[in-house]
Amino acid sequence: MQTRILIVEDHVLVREAMALTLAQVREDVVCEQASNATDALALLEADSDCDLVVVDLMLPEINGFSLLGVVAKRFPAVPALVVSALDDRESVHRAMKAGASGFVSKASPSNTLIEAVRTILSGGVFTPEAAIGSDGSNRNRRASQAFAERFQLTAAQGRVLELVAQGKSNRDIAEFLGLSEGTVKVHVSAILRALGVTSRAQALLMMTRAGLRV
């Protein structure tokens, strides 16, 4: 079975470079390319069996934000990853709200793109530090990831855990990650069960003892 990825980017060289990078995600990856939103939607209409759409925000005619909204509405089973030079916090939040399952800055190294794609293909959400509003260090994030792995949390639960560690409410987490509040509640409940605790306060205490800054 093939892993079909649709790249929507108006610069040919960038599209081709992305396709080469994405080929490293899995051996079965097949990349299709579109230079604009109209062509991308036509490809999805012809065959919606797509595993991931990679979207640039600065597209001609129909911009990436609008494309994300259309894809989320017409092809809800197809996740989208934004890869854009517009990597300020506002753009990241807007993209996630529009339906993106992840965001990667074009200034990032190729291994970040590979990590993001693998995370989303496994059902997770990938966001940079700017998207989750964290002012913590990379060390704290690594500690959070190690903590999540210790309790065998999924990638999505790990992302939620990072925000729980910052004291974010379910509503805040839903807004930052572009999820419904109900989905966040499910993730939080699963996290508490995995940690063997019954409250967020107990979870925060465990994280503090594990060396996380909360």
Protein backbone atom coordinates (compact mmCIF):
# COMPACT_ATOMS: atom_id res chain seq x y z
CA MET A 1 0.00 0.00 0.00
CA GLN A 2 1.24 3.47 -0.88
CA THR A 3 1.39 6.55 1.34
CA ARG A 4 0.03 9.31 -0.87
CA ILE A 5 1.13 12.87 -0.06
CA LEU A 6 -0.08 15.90 -2.01
CA ILE A 7 2.30 18.89 -2.01
CA VAL A 8 0.64 22.26 -2.71
CA GLU A 9 3.37 24.82 -3.37
CA ASP A 10 3.69 27.35 -6.19
CA HIS A 11 7.50 27.29 -6.40
CA VAL A 12 8.70 24.34 -8.47
CA LEU A 13 12.11 24.02 -6.84
CA VAL A 14 10.58 24.04 -3.36
CA ARG A 15 8.04 21.39 -4.39
CA GLU A 16 10.71 19.15 -5.81
CA ALA A 17 12.97 19.57 -2.77
CA MET A 18 10.04 18.75 -0.49
CA ALA A 19 9.22 15.64 -2.50
CA LEU A 20 12.80 14.42 -2.13
CA THR A 21 12.66 15.02 1.63
CA LEU A 22 9.28 13.34 2.04
CA ALA A 23 10.56 10.26 0.22
CA GLN A 24 12.65 9.64 3.35
CA VAL A 25 9.56 9.34 5.57
CA ARG A 26 8.65 5.88 4.32
CA GLU A 27 9.65 3.63 1.44
CA ASP A 28 6.09 3.62 0.11
CA VAL A 29 5.66 7.42 -0.09
CA VAL A 30 4.31 8.73 -3.39
CA CYS A 31 4.20 12.52 -3.80
CA GLU A 32 1.79 14.35 -6.06
CA GLN A 33 2.29 18.04 -6.73
CA ALA A 34 0.02 21.03 -7.33
CA SER A 35 1.02 24.65 -7.85
CA ASN A 36 -2.25 26.14 -6.57
CA ALA A 37 -5.35 25.40 -4.52
CA THR A 38 -7.60 24.85 -7.55
CA ASP A 39 -5.38 22.10 -8.96
CA ALA A 40 -4.98 20.56 -5.50
CA LEU A 41 -8.74 20.35 -4.98
CA ALA A 42 -9.18 18.86 -8.45
CA LEU A 43 -6.71 16.11 -7.58
CA LEU A 44 -8.53 15.40 -4.31
CA GLU A 45 -11.89 15.37 -6.07
CA ALA A 46 -10.57 12.85 -8.57
CA ASP A 47 -9.17 10.64 -5.79
CA SER A 48 -9.70 11.55 -2.13
CA ASP A 49 -7.67 8.57 -0.92
CA CYS A 50 -4.86 10.84 0.23
CA ASP A 51 -2.87 10.38 3.44
CA LEU A 52 -1.64 13.96 3.82
CA VAL A 53 -1.80 17.36 2.14
CA VAL A 54 1.23 19.63 2.58
CA VAL A 55 0.17 23.27 2.12
CA ASP A 56 2.04 26.53 1.65
CA LEU A 57 0.15 29.56 2.98
CA MET A 58 1.23 32.03 0.30
CA LEU A 59 -0.47 30.47 -2.71
CA PRO A 60 -1.69 32.44 -5.75
CA GLU A 61 -5.42 33.25 -6.06
CA ILE A 62 -6.70 31.06 -3.20
CA ASN A 63 -4.35 31.28 -0.22
CA GLY A 64 -3.37 28.41 2.02
CA PHE A 65 -5.63 29.44 4.89
CA SER A 66 -8.67 29.21 2.62
CA LEU A 67 -7.48 25.91 1.18
CA LEU A 68 -7.16 24.45 4.69
CA GLY A 69 -10.77 25.36 5.41
CA VAL A 70 -12.03 23.76 2.20
CA VAL A 71 -10.03 20.58 2.74
CA ALA A 72 -11.27 20.30 6.33
CA LYS A 73 -14.87 20.68 5.18
CA ARG A 74 -14.86 18.61 1.99
CA PHE A 75 -12.21 16.03 2.87
CA PRO A 76 -12.34 15.74 6.67
CA ALA A 77 -10.43 12.42 6.67
CA VAL A 78 -7.41 14.01 5.00
CA PRO A 79 -5.00 15.73 7.43
CA ALA A 80 -3.04 18.81 6.39
CA LEU A 81 0.44 20.02 7.26
CA VAL A 82 1.43 23.64 6.68
CA VAL A 83 4.99 24.35 5.53
CA SER A 84 5.40 28.11 5.27
CA ALA A 85 7.74 31.06 5.61
CA LEU A 86 4.93 32.79 7.50
CA ASP A 87 5.90 31.27 10.83
CA ASP A 88 4.85 33.97 13.30
CA ARG A 89 2.60 32.96 16.17
CA GLU A 90 -0.52 34.53 14.66
CA SER A 91 -0.08 32.66 11.37
CA VAL A 92 0.55 29.37 13.17
CA HIS A 93 -2.56 29.77 15.33
CA ARG A 94 -4.66 30.79 12.34
CA ALA A 95 -3.51 27.78 10.34
CA MET A 96 -4.23 25.37 13.19
CA LYS A 97 -7.69 26.89 13.67
CA ALA A 98 -8.33 26.51 9.94
CA GLY A 99 -7.82 22.77 10.24
CA ALA A 100 -4.09 22.04 9.96
CA SER A 101 -2.75 19.08 11.92
CA GLY A 102 0.74 20.52 11.99
CA PHE A 103 2.97 23.45 11.11
CA VAL A 104 6.60 23.56 9.99
CA SER A 105 8.55 26.72 9.22
CA LYS A 106 10.43 26.77 5.92
CA ALA A 107 13.43 27.82 7.97
CA SER A 108 13.41 24.42 9.71
CA PRO A 109 15.82 21.61 8.80
CA SER A 110 14.53 18.71 6.71
CA ASN A 111 14.47 16.33 9.67
CA THR A 112 11.81 18.56 11.29
CA LEU A 113 9.60 18.14 8.23
CA ILE A 114 10.13 14.38 8.33
CA GLU A 115 9.27 14.29 12.04
CA ALA A 116 6.13 16.36 11.45
CA VAL A 117 4.90 14.11 8.65
CA ARG A 118 5.54 10.95 10.63
CA THR A 119 3.72 12.42 13.63
CA ILE A 120 0.65 13.36 11.60
CA LEU A 121 0.56 10.08 9.67
CA SER A 122 0.49 8.28 13.03
CA GLY A 123 -2.51 10.35 14.11
CA GLY A 124 -0.73 13.05 16.07
CA VAL A 125 -0.49 16.83 15.89
CA PHE A 126 2.80 18.62 15.23
CA THR A 127 3.32 22.24 16.28
CA PRO A 128 6.43 24.36 16.84
CA GLU A 129 7.16 26.22 20.06
CA ALA A 130 5.52 29.36 18.66
CA ALA A 131 2.24 27.55 18.15
CA ILE A 132 1.88 26.36 21.72
CA GLY A 133 2.96 29.67 23.16
CA SER A 134 5.77 28.13 25.14
CA ASP A 135 8.54 30.32 26.47
CA GLY A 136 10.26 27.30 28.00
CA SER A 137 13.60 25.94 26.91
CA ASN A 138 14.26 23.05 24.57
CA ARG A 139 15.46 21.18 27.60
CA ASN A 140 12.02 21.34 29.20
CA ARG A 141 10.43 20.10 25.97
CA ARG A 142 12.85 17.18 25.80
CA ALA A 143 12.02 16.35 29.42
CA SER A 144 8.31 16.46 28.55
CA GLN A 145 8.84 14.13 25.58
CA ALA A 146 10.87 11.72 27.70
CA PHE A 147 8.12 11.76 30.33
CA ALA A 148 5.51 11.00 27.66
CA GLU A 149 7.57 8.12 26.28
CA ARG A 150 8.05 6.70 29.76
CA PHE A 151 4.30 6.29 30.12
CA GLN A 152 3.84 5.19 26.48
CA LEU A 153 1.70 8.16 25.52
CA THR A 154 0.83 8.69 21.86
CA ALA A 155 2.27 11.63 19.90
CA ALA A 156 -1.04 13.50 20.22
CA GLN A 157 -1.19 12.86 23.97
CA GLY A 158 2.41 14.04 24.28
CA ARG A 159 1.51 17.37 22.65
CA VAL A 160 -1.43 17.78 25.03
CA LEU A 161 0.80 16.87 27.95
CA GLU A 162 3.19 19.71 27.09
CA LEU A 163 0.33 22.18 27.39
CA VAL A 164 -1.03 20.57 30.55
CA ALA A 165 2.44 21.10 32.03
CA GLN A 166 2.05 24.81 31.26
CA GLY A 167 -1.22 24.90 33.18
CA LYS A 168 -3.35 25.42 30.06
CA SER A 169 -7.07 24.70 30.31
CA ASN A 170 -8.78 22.24 27.96
CA ARG A 171 -10.23 25.18 26.06
CA ASP A 172 -6.80 26.79 25.66
CA ILE A 173 -5.29 23.51 24.51
CA ALA A 174 -8.08 23.00 22.00
CA GLU A 175 -7.50 26.49 20.61
CA PHE A 176 -3.73 26.11 20.36
CA LEU A 177 -3.83 22.67 18.70
CA GLY A 178 -6.88 23.26 16.52
CA LEU A 179 -8.84 20.44 18.16
CA SER A 180 -12.31 20.26 19.64
CA GLU A 181 -12.53 20.63 23.41
CA GLY A 182 -14.10 17.15 23.55
CA THR A 183 -11.07 15.62 21.84
CA VAL A 184 -8.76 17.35 24.32
CA LYS A 185 -10.80 15.97 27.22
CA VAL A 186 -10.40 12.46 25.80
CA HIS A 187 -6.63 12.95 25.55
CA VAL A 188 -6.38 14.34 29.09
CA SER A 189 -8.40 11.42 30.49
CA ALA A 190 -6.13 8.97 28.70
CA ILE A 191 -3.06 10.76 30.07
CA LEU A 192 -4.36 10.60 33.64
CA ARG A 193 -5.08 6.88 33.27
CA ALA A 194 -1.60 6.25 31.86
CA LEU A 195 -0.02 8.15 34.76
CA GLY A 196 -2.20 6.34 37.30
CA VAL A 197 -3.60 9.55 38.77
CA THR A 198 -7.10 10.99 39.07
CA SER A 199 -6.52 14.73 38.71
CA ARG A 200 -4.49 17.25 36.75
CA ALA A 201 -2.97 18.47 40.03
CA GLN A 202 -1.56 15.01 40.70
CA ALA A 203 -0.29 14.82 37.11
CA LEU A 204 1.45 18.18 37.51
CA LEU A 205 3.05 16.98 40.75
CA MET A 206 4.40 13.90 38.96
CA MET A 207 5.79 16.05 36.16
CA THR A 208 7.46 18.40 38.66
CA ARG A 209 9.11 15.48 40.40
CA ALA A 210 10.29 14.24 37.00
CA GLY A 211 12.11 17.53 36.46
CA LEU A 212 9.65 19.32 34.21
CA ARG A 213 9.09 23.04 34.69
CA VAL A 214 5.35 23.52 35.20
